[in-house]
Amino acid sequence: MKIVFDPKVISYRELLKIFFTTHDPTTKNRQGNDVGSQYRSIIIYMNEEQRKIAEEEIKEAEKIWKKKVVTEITPFKAFYKAEDYHINYYERNPYNPYCIFVISPKVSKFEKVWKEYLRILNRKLIQLYSGLDSFTPLMMKMLLLILNYNYINRI
């Protein structure tokens, strides 16, 4: 998965903190019942500053998990787009058993653990983007997702 982010809204460090609380980084090549190298925990960094931050956050994650974190840290080489059926899979298949039993609990945990942070992040995004004269398609999609999330969750 490729994550594009605006550091004025959320920092790389904050993204890593979320990453380490929404999956188990202590099991090699495994997430729950899914086993294989494609299920490994990995951080692909773009520059030396990101590598350094990733190493620091792994040390912090080990304190929280009280186990050795096996997340790989590797430099970016190339991005390979997923097959169409993988893109937005959870959004398009919310009643699929895998989505119900594996993904939904992770989403719920994320929303519970990061609820207050999401409120702050939403306010930052709305403030940042509301004063602009024009929106890129990505910015418009982000703003609509935030507004929809706020409406559904009454934030």
C-alpha atoms as a PDB file:
ATOM      1  CA  MET A   1       0.000   0.000   0.000  1.00  0.00           C
ATOM      2  CA  LYS A   2       1.311   3.429  -0.886  1.00  0.00           C
ATOM      3  CA  ILE A   3       0.414   6.221   1.523  1.00  0.00           C
ATOM      4  CA  VAL A   4       0.491   9.790   0.279  1.00  0.00           C
ATOM      5  CA  PHE A   5       0.264  12.301   3.102  1.00  0.00           C
ATOM      6  CA  ASP A   6       0.514  16.007   3.763  1.00  0.00           C
ATOM      7  CA  PRO A   7       3.023  16.607   6.599  1.00  0.00           C
ATOM      8  CA  LYS A   8       1.150  19.836   7.456  1.00  0.00           C
ATOM      9  CA  VAL A   9      -1.777  17.623   8.450  1.00  0.00           C
ATOM     10  CA  ILE A  10      -0.171  14.426   9.763  1.00  0.00           C
ATOM     11  CA  SER A  11       3.475  13.626  10.319  1.00  0.00           C
ATOM     12  CA  TYR A  12       5.340  10.533   9.227  1.00  0.00           C
ATOM     13  CA  ARG A  13       5.913   9.731  12.905  1.00  0.00           C
ATOM     14  CA  GLU A  14       2.170   9.931  13.613  1.00  0.00           C
ATOM     15  CA  LEU A  15       1.456   7.592  10.707  1.00  0.00           C
ATOM     16  CA  LEU A  16       3.935   5.082  12.123  1.00  0.00           C
ATOM     17  CA  LYS A  17       2.361   5.272  15.574  1.00  0.00           C
ATOM     18  CA  ILE A  18      -0.987   4.425  13.982  1.00  0.00           C
ATOM     19  CA  PHE A  19       0.652   1.653  11.940  1.00  0.00           C
ATOM     20  CA  PHE A  20       2.098   0.005  15.052  1.00  0.00           C
ATOM     21  CA  THR A  21      -1.193   0.094  16.966  1.00  0.00           C
ATOM     22  CA  THR A  22      -3.407  -1.292  14.193  1.00  0.00           C
ATOM     23  CA  HIS A  23      -1.565  -4.521  13.412  1.00  0.00           C
ATOM     24  CA  ASP A  24       0.706  -6.993  15.185  1.00  0.00           C
ATOM     25  CA  PRO A  25       4.306  -6.124  14.243  1.00  0.00           C
ATOM     26  CA  THR A  26       5.749  -8.945  16.366  1.00  0.00           C
ATOM     27  CA  THR A  27       4.911 -11.931  14.145  1.00  0.00           C
ATOM     28  CA  LYS A  28       7.095 -12.630  11.132  1.00  0.00           C
ATOM     29  CA  ASN A  29       5.266 -13.145   7.838  1.00  0.00           C
ATOM     30  CA  ARG A  30       1.878 -13.327   9.515  1.00  0.00           C
ATOM     31  CA  GLN A  31      -1.183 -11.238  10.323  1.00  0.00           C
ATOM     32  CA  GLY A  32      -3.770 -13.249  12.223  1.00  0.00           C
ATOM     33  CA  ASN A  33      -4.557 -16.410  10.260  1.00  0.00           C
ATOM     34  CA  ASP A  34      -2.926 -15.042   7.100  1.00  0.00           C
ATOM     35  CA  VAL A  35       0.553 -16.497   6.648  1.00  0.00           C
ATOM     36  CA  GLY A  36       3.242 -15.801   4.060  1.00  0.00           C
ATOM     37  CA  SER A  37       5.795 -13.160   3.179  1.00  0.00           C
ATOM     38  CA  GLN A  38       3.055 -11.020   1.610  1.00  0.00           C
ATOM     39  CA  TYR A  39       1.651 -10.592   5.169  1.00  0.00           C
ATOM     40  CA  ARG A  40       4.909  -9.359   6.687  1.00  0.00           C
ATOM     41  CA  SER A  41       5.077  -6.084   8.559  1.00  0.00           C
ATOM     42  CA  ILE A  42       7.196  -3.704   6.489  1.00  0.00           C
ATOM     43  CA  ILE A  43       8.036  -0.012   6.273  1.00  0.00           C
ATOM     44  CA  ILE A  44       9.392   1.239   2.981  1.00  0.00           C
ATOM     45  CA  TYR A  45      11.086   4.577   3.475  1.00  0.00           C
ATOM     46  CA  MET A  46      11.711   7.334   0.943  1.00  0.00           C
ATOM     47  CA  ASN A  47      14.738   9.011   2.572  1.00  0.00           C
ATOM     48  CA  GLU A  48      17.182   8.721   5.466  1.00  0.00           C
ATOM     49  CA  GLU A  49      15.055  10.872   7.767  1.00  0.00           C
ATOM     50  CA  GLN A  50      12.137   8.462   7.350  1.00  0.00           C
ATOM     51  CA  ARG A  51      14.449   5.491   7.980  1.00  0.00           C
ATOM     52  CA  LYS A  52      15.679   7.051  11.208  1.00  0.00           C
ATOM     53  CA  ILE A  53      12.151   7.840  12.398  1.00  0.00           C
ATOM     54  CA  ALA A  54      11.040   4.288  11.560  1.00  0.00           C
ATOM     55  CA  GLU A  55      13.875   2.836  13.655  1.00  0.00           C
ATOM     56  CA  GLU A  56      12.948   5.130  16.564  1.00  0.00           C
ATOM     57  CA  GLU A  57       9.280   4.154  16.348  1.00  0.00           C
ATOM     58  CA  ILE A  58      10.136   0.448  16.305  1.00  0.00           C
ATOM     59  CA  LYS A  59      11.923   0.950  19.640  1.00  0.00           C
ATOM     60  CA  GLU A  60       8.815   2.702  20.985  1.00  0.00           C
ATOM     61  CA  ALA A  61       6.541  -0.046  19.644  1.00  0.00           C
ATOM     62  CA  GLU A  62       8.634  -2.703  21.422  1.00  0.00           C
ATOM     63  CA  LYS A  63       7.921  -0.949  24.713  1.00  0.00           C
ATOM     64  CA  ILE A  64       4.182  -1.068  24.011  1.00  0.00           C
ATOM     65  CA  TRP A  65       4.080  -4.634  22.673  1.00  0.00           C
ATOM     66  CA  LYS A  66       6.646  -5.860  25.226  1.00  0.00           C
ATOM     67  CA  LYS A  67       8.066  -8.070  22.465  1.00  0.00           C
ATOM     68  CA  LYS A  68      10.579  -7.739  19.667  1.00  0.00           C
ATOM     69  CA  VAL A  69       9.105  -5.968  16.655  1.00  0.00           C
ATOM     70  CA  VAL A  70       9.998  -7.804  13.430  1.00  0.00           C
ATOM     71  CA  THR A  71       8.863  -5.077  11.046  1.00  0.00           C
ATOM     72  CA  GLU A  72      11.267  -4.800   8.120  1.00  0.00           C
ATOM     73  CA  ILE A  73      12.653  -1.394   7.175  1.00  0.00           C
ATOM     74  CA  THR A  74      13.719  -1.151   3.560  1.00  0.00           C
ATOM     75  CA  PRO A  75      14.342   1.632   1.026  1.00  0.00           C
ATOM     76  CA  PHE A  76      11.777   2.367  -1.689  1.00  0.00           C
ATOM     77  CA  LYS A  77      12.618   0.804  -5.038  1.00  0.00           C
ATOM     78  CA  ALA A  78       9.392   0.645  -7.054  1.00  0.00           C
ATOM     79  CA  PHE A  79       5.644   0.782  -6.514  1.00  0.00           C
ATOM     80  CA  TYR A  80       3.476  -1.933  -8.023  1.00  0.00           C
ATOM     81  CA  LYS A  81      -0.213  -1.089  -8.288  1.00  0.00           C
ATOM     82  CA  ALA A  82      -2.561  -3.749  -6.944  1.00  0.00           C
ATOM     83  CA  GLU A  83      -4.914  -5.658  -9.196  1.00  0.00           C
ATOM     84  CA  ASP A  84      -8.253  -3.866  -9.623  1.00  0.00           C
ATOM     85  CA  TYR A  85     -10.130  -6.353  -7.414  1.00  0.00           C
ATOM     86  CA  HIS A  86      -7.820  -5.487  -4.470  1.00  0.00           C
ATOM     87  CA  ILE A  87      -8.324  -1.715  -4.722  1.00  0.00           C
ATOM     88  CA  ASN A  88     -10.846  -0.443  -2.124  1.00  0.00           C
ATOM     89  CA  TYR A  89     -11.706  -4.083  -1.393  1.00  0.00           C
ATOM     90  CA  TYR A  90     -13.072  -3.442   2.102  1.00  0.00           C
ATOM     91  CA  GLU A  91     -15.145  -0.493   0.930  1.00  0.00           C
ATOM     92  CA  ARG A  92     -16.612  -2.527  -1.944  1.00  0.00           C
ATOM     93  CA  ASN A  93     -17.091  -5.789   0.027  1.00  0.00           C
ATOM     94  CA  PRO A  94     -18.147  -4.865   3.580  1.00  0.00           C
ATOM     95  CA  TYR A  95     -20.184  -8.079   4.006  1.00  0.00           C
ATOM     96  CA  ASN A  96     -17.472 -10.438   2.842  1.00  0.00           C
ATOM     97  CA  PRO A  97     -16.634 -12.787   5.765  1.00  0.00           C
ATOM     98  CA  TYR A  98     -12.957 -11.782   5.649  1.00  0.00           C
ATOM     99  CA  CYS A  99     -13.935  -8.120   5.898  1.00  0.00           C
ATOM    100  CA  ILE A 100     -16.379  -8.785   8.738  1.00  0.00           C
ATOM    101  CA  PHE A 101     -14.090 -10.983  10.853  1.00  0.00           C
ATOM    102  CA  VAL A 102     -10.619  -9.623  10.052  1.00  0.00           C
ATOM    103  CA  ILE A 103     -10.755  -6.074   8.735  1.00  0.00           C
ATOM    104  CA  SER A 104     -13.758  -4.653  10.628  1.00  0.00           C
ATOM    105  CA  PRO A 105     -12.242  -5.388  14.065  1.00  0.00           C
ATOM    106  CA  LYS A 106      -9.054  -3.575  12.991  1.00  0.00           C
ATOM    107  CA  VAL A 107     -11.055  -0.587  11.762  1.00  0.00           C
ATOM    108  CA  SER A 108     -13.035  -0.544  15.024  1.00  0.00           C
ATOM    109  CA  LYS A 109      -9.837  -0.710  17.059  1.00  0.00           C
ATOM    110  CA  PHE A 110      -8.347   2.117  15.018  1.00  0.00           C
ATOM    111  CA  GLU A 111     -11.434   4.292  15.524  1.00  0.00           C
ATOM    112  CA  LYS A 112     -11.526   3.536  19.259  1.00  0.00           C
ATOM    113  CA  VAL A 113      -7.812   4.039  19.954  1.00  0.00           C
ATOM    114  CA  TRP A 114      -7.460   7.106  17.721  1.00  0.00           C
ATOM    115  CA  LYS A 115     -10.922   8.694  18.200  1.00  0.00           C
ATOM    116  CA  GLU A 116      -9.726  11.953  19.755  1.00  0.00           C
ATOM    117  CA  TYR A 117      -6.828  12.185  17.346  1.00  0.00           C
ATOM    118  CA  LEU A 118      -9.244  11.744  14.408  1.00  0.00           C
ATOM    119  CA  ARG A 119     -11.276  14.698  15.671  1.00  0.00           C
ATOM    120  CA  ILE A 120      -8.164  16.871  15.829  1.00  0.00           C
ATOM    121  CA  LEU A 121      -6.967  15.636  12.436  1.00  0.00           C
ATOM    122  CA  ASN A 122     -10.360  16.332  10.882  1.00  0.00           C
ATOM    123  CA  ARG A 123     -10.333  19.906  12.209  1.00  0.00           C
ATOM    124  CA  LYS A 124      -6.801  20.421  10.859  1.00  0.00           C
ATOM    125  CA  LEU A 125      -7.810  19.150   7.423  1.00  0.00           C
ATOM    126  CA  ILE A 126     -10.951  21.247   7.219  1.00  0.00           C
ATOM    127  CA  GLN A 127      -9.049  24.365   8.318  1.00  0.00           C
ATOM    128  CA  LEU A 128      -6.232  23.668   5.892  1.00  0.00           C
ATOM    129  CA  TYR A 129      -8.427  23.018   2.875  1.00  0.00           C
ATOM    130  CA  SER A 130     -11.402  25.322   3.517  1.00  0.00           C
ATOM    131  CA  GLY A 131      -9.461  28.484   2.674  1.00  0.00           C
ATOM    132  CA  LEU A 132      -8.313  27.278  -0.744  1.00  0.00           C
ATOM    133  CA  ASP A 133      -9.785  28.685  -3.934  1.00  0.00           C
ATOM    134  CA  SER A 134      -9.613  25.359  -5.763  1.00  0.00           C
ATOM    135  CA  PHE A 135      -9.330  21.703  -4.861  1.00  0.00           C
ATOM    136  CA  THR A 136      -7.442  18.930  -6.565  1.00  0.00           C
ATOM    137  CA  PRO A 137      -9.518  15.743  -7.009  1.00  0.00           C
ATOM    138  CA  LEU A 138      -7.535  14.096  -4.176  1.00  0.00           C
ATOM    139  CA  MET A 139      -8.148  17.031  -1.819  1.00  0.00           C
ATOM    140  CA  MET A 140     -11.862  16.992  -2.661  1.00  0.00           C
ATOM    141  CA  LYS A 141     -12.062  13.255  -2.015  1.00  0.00           C
ATOM    142  CA  MET A 142     -10.278  13.667   1.351  1.00  0.00           C
ATOM    143  CA  LEU A 143     -12.587  16.496   2.397  1.00  0.00           C
ATOM    144  CA  LEU A 144     -15.696  14.550   1.379  1.00  0.00           C
ATOM    145  CA  LEU A 145     -14.449  11.472   3.260  1.00  0.00           C
ATOM    146  CA  ILE A 146     -13.855  13.590   6.365  1.00  0.00           C
ATOM    147  CA  LEU A 147     -17.252  15.238   6.170  1.00  0.00           C
ATOM    148  CA  ASN A 148     -18.940  11.864   5.609  1.00  0.00           C
ATOM    149  CA  TYR A 149     -16.994  10.319   8.523  1.00  0.00           C
ATOM    150  CA  ASN A 150     -17.949  13.252  10.744  1.00  0.00           C
ATOM    151  CA  TYR A 151     -21.610  12.924   9.765  1.00  0.00           C
ATOM    152  CA  ILE A 152     -21.753   9.157  10.308  1.00  0.00           C
ATOM    153  CA  ASN A 153     -19.889   9.327  13.626  1.00  0.00           C
ATOM    154  CA  ARG A 154     -21.353  12.675  14.728  1.00  0.00           C
ATOM    155  CA  ILE A 155     -17.942  14.159  15.524  1.00  0.00           C
END
